[in-house]
Protein backbone atom coordinates (compact mmCIF):
# COMPACT_ATOMS: atom_id res chain seq x y z
CA MET A 1 184.43 117.64 75.65
CA LYS A 2 186.21 114.28 75.76
CA THR A 3 186.62 114.71 79.52
CA ILE A 4 182.86 115.15 80.00
CA ARG A 5 182.05 112.05 77.94
CA LEU A 6 184.67 110.02 79.76
CA GLY A 7 183.26 111.19 83.13
CA ALA A 8 179.74 110.23 82.11
CA LEU A 9 180.95 106.81 80.99
CA ILE A 10 182.74 106.23 84.31
CA VAL A 11 179.60 107.19 86.30
CA LEU A 12 177.47 104.84 84.17
CA LEU A 13 179.88 101.93 84.53
CA GLY A 14 180.12 102.56 88.28
CA ALA A 15 176.36 102.41 88.60
CA LEU A 16 176.25 99.09 86.79
CA VAL A 17 178.98 97.62 88.96
CA VAL A 18 177.40 98.85 92.23
CA GLY A 19 174.03 97.70 90.97
CA VAL A 20 171.16 99.99 90.20
CA PRO A 21 167.94 98.27 91.15
CA THR A 22 165.85 97.51 88.13
CA ALA A 23 162.33 96.23 87.71
CA ASN A 24 160.20 95.18 84.83
CA ALA A 25 156.52 95.94 84.46
CA ALA A 26 155.52 92.62 86.01
CA GLN A 27 157.38 93.47 89.21
CA LEU A 28 155.97 96.97 89.69
CA GLN A 29 153.17 97.26 92.18
CA LEU A 30 150.78 100.07 91.54
CA LYS A 31 147.94 100.88 93.82
CA ALA A 32 145.06 102.89 92.46
CA PRO A 33 143.33 105.26 94.84
CA SER A 34 140.16 103.85 96.26
CA VAL A 35 136.99 105.37 94.91
CA THR A 36 133.89 105.47 97.01
CA SER A 37 130.50 106.18 95.60
CA PRO A 38 127.55 107.52 97.51
CA SER A 39 125.04 104.89 98.45
CA GLY A 40 122.32 105.81 96.03
CA PRO A 41 118.84 104.44 96.01
CA PRO A 42 118.21 101.03 94.47
CA ALA A 43 117.22 100.81 90.80
CA ALA A 44 113.64 99.93 91.79
CA CYS A 45 113.45 103.37 93.36
CA THR A 46 115.01 105.39 90.52
CA SER A 47 113.45 103.67 87.53
CA LEU A 48 109.97 105.12 87.92
CA THR A 49 108.37 108.55 88.10
CA LEU A 50 106.91 109.77 91.38
CA SER A 51 103.85 112.03 91.39
CA VAL A 52 104.07 115.17 93.51
CA ARG A 53 101.22 117.57 94.34
CA SER A 54 100.42 120.50 96.55
CA THR A 55 98.19 119.97 99.54
CA ASN A 56 96.53 122.16 102.13
CA VAL A 57 96.22 125.04 99.62
CA ASN A 58 94.89 128.26 101.10
CA GLY A 59 94.42 131.36 98.93
CA GLY A 60 96.44 129.84 96.10
CA THR A 61 99.52 129.15 98.24
CA THR A 62 100.80 126.29 100.35
CA THR A 63 103.76 125.13 102.38
CA MET A 64 102.85 121.46 101.99
CA ILE A 65 103.89 119.13 99.17
CA ARG A 66 102.79 115.49 98.99
CA ILE A 67 104.96 112.79 97.40
CA MET A 68 102.64 109.98 96.35
CA ALA A 69 103.05 106.23 95.95
CA VAL A 70 106.58 106.05 97.33
CA PRO A 71 107.92 102.61 96.33
CA VAL A 72 109.02 100.21 99.05
CA ALA A 73 112.61 100.41 97.73
CA CYS A 74 112.66 104.18 98.45
CA ARG A 75 111.35 104.03 101.98
CA GLY A 76 113.85 104.64 104.74
CA LEU A 77 116.02 106.83 102.46
CA ALA A 78 116.72 110.58 102.64
CA PHE A 79 114.60 112.84 100.41
CA GLN A 80 115.36 116.40 99.23
CA LEU A 81 112.70 118.36 97.34
CA THR A 82 112.93 121.78 95.64
CA ALA A 83 109.98 123.67 94.13
CA TYR A 84 110.68 125.73 90.98
CA SER A 85 108.78 128.47 89.18
CA SER A 86 109.19 129.61 85.58
CA GLY A 87 112.74 130.36 84.53
CA GLY A 88 114.05 127.67 86.86
CA VAL A 89 113.86 129.90 89.93
CA SER A 90 114.02 127.95 93.20
CA ARG A 91 111.11 129.06 95.39
CA ALA A 92 111.29 126.68 98.35
CA SER A 93 112.81 123.41 99.49
CA ALA A 94 112.31 120.65 102.00
CA SER A 95 114.40 117.84 103.41
CA LEU A 96 113.21 114.64 104.91
CA PRO A 97 115.88 112.57 106.64
CA THR A 98 113.96 109.37 105.89
CA ILE A 99 110.54 108.29 104.80
CA LEU A 100 109.27 105.70 107.24
CA ALA A 101 109.26 102.13 106.05
CA GLY A 102 105.48 101.78 106.02
CA THR A 103 104.71 105.14 104.38
CA VAL A 104 103.15 105.12 100.91
CA ASN A 105 102.34 108.84 100.66
CA THR A 106 104.31 111.45 102.56
CA THR A 107 103.87 115.18 103.05
CA VAL A 108 106.81 117.53 103.44
CA THR A 109 106.77 121.09 104.74
CA LEU A 110 108.49 123.62 102.50
CA SER A 111 110.88 126.26 103.75
CA GLN A 112 108.34 128.94 102.77
CA SER A 113 104.90 129.36 101.25
CA VAL A 114 104.68 128.95 97.47
CA ASN A 115 102.18 130.00 94.81
CA VAL A 116 100.51 126.92 93.33
CA SER A 117 97.35 128.16 91.68
CA ASN A 118 97.69 131.83 90.75
CA ASN A 119 99.10 132.75 87.38
CA GLY A 120 102.34 134.68 87.30
CA ASN A 121 106.05 134.10 87.25
CA THR A 122 106.11 132.86 90.87
CA LYS A 123 103.72 129.95 90.27
CA ILE A 124 105.33 126.58 90.91
CA ILE A 125 105.67 124.65 87.67
CA GLY A 126 107.93 121.80 88.71
CA ILE A 127 109.58 119.86 91.49
CA ALA A 128 113.11 118.49 91.67
CA LEU A 129 113.40 115.44 93.91
CA THR A 130 116.48 113.57 95.04
CA ILE A 131 116.63 110.41 97.09
CA ASN A 132 119.97 109.71 98.77
CA GLY A 133 121.48 112.35 96.49
CA ARG A 134 120.24 110.89 93.17
CA GLY A 135 117.74 112.68 90.96
CA ILE A 136 114.31 111.07 90.65
CA ALA A 137 111.83 111.77 87.85
CA THR A 138 108.69 113.52 89.07
CA THR A 139 105.34 114.55 87.66
CA TRP A 140 104.05 117.81 89.14
CA LEU A 141 100.30 117.62 89.54
CA GLY A 142 99.96 121.17 90.90
């Protein structure tokens, strides 16, 4: 047992003589990983509620949804819209790479026809809208 302790002491003293590099907290250089965030829409775009309604309804169904009064701050950004029926079931969606700079109201074509006026569990009751990947409050006007 004495031999082991003596060996450990010799190794420790040897390390001190040879010189083990030491550093204090002020000398350490730490680099945090860079974090990138998606370029979301400006606050002027996300702070209000956009009205959304069906258009071109034929026999209680449509493939067209109109986003109304798009603020200037939102124009030129990518839109994604999903139509939901009761129970949160996704019924159709639409993407718009950008809304043109001068556009106040824009109409998007859904991936399929949706029920907007007939009662039943397939009737659209709400719209989820994202602009540049950020959720935007909407009012569904039917």
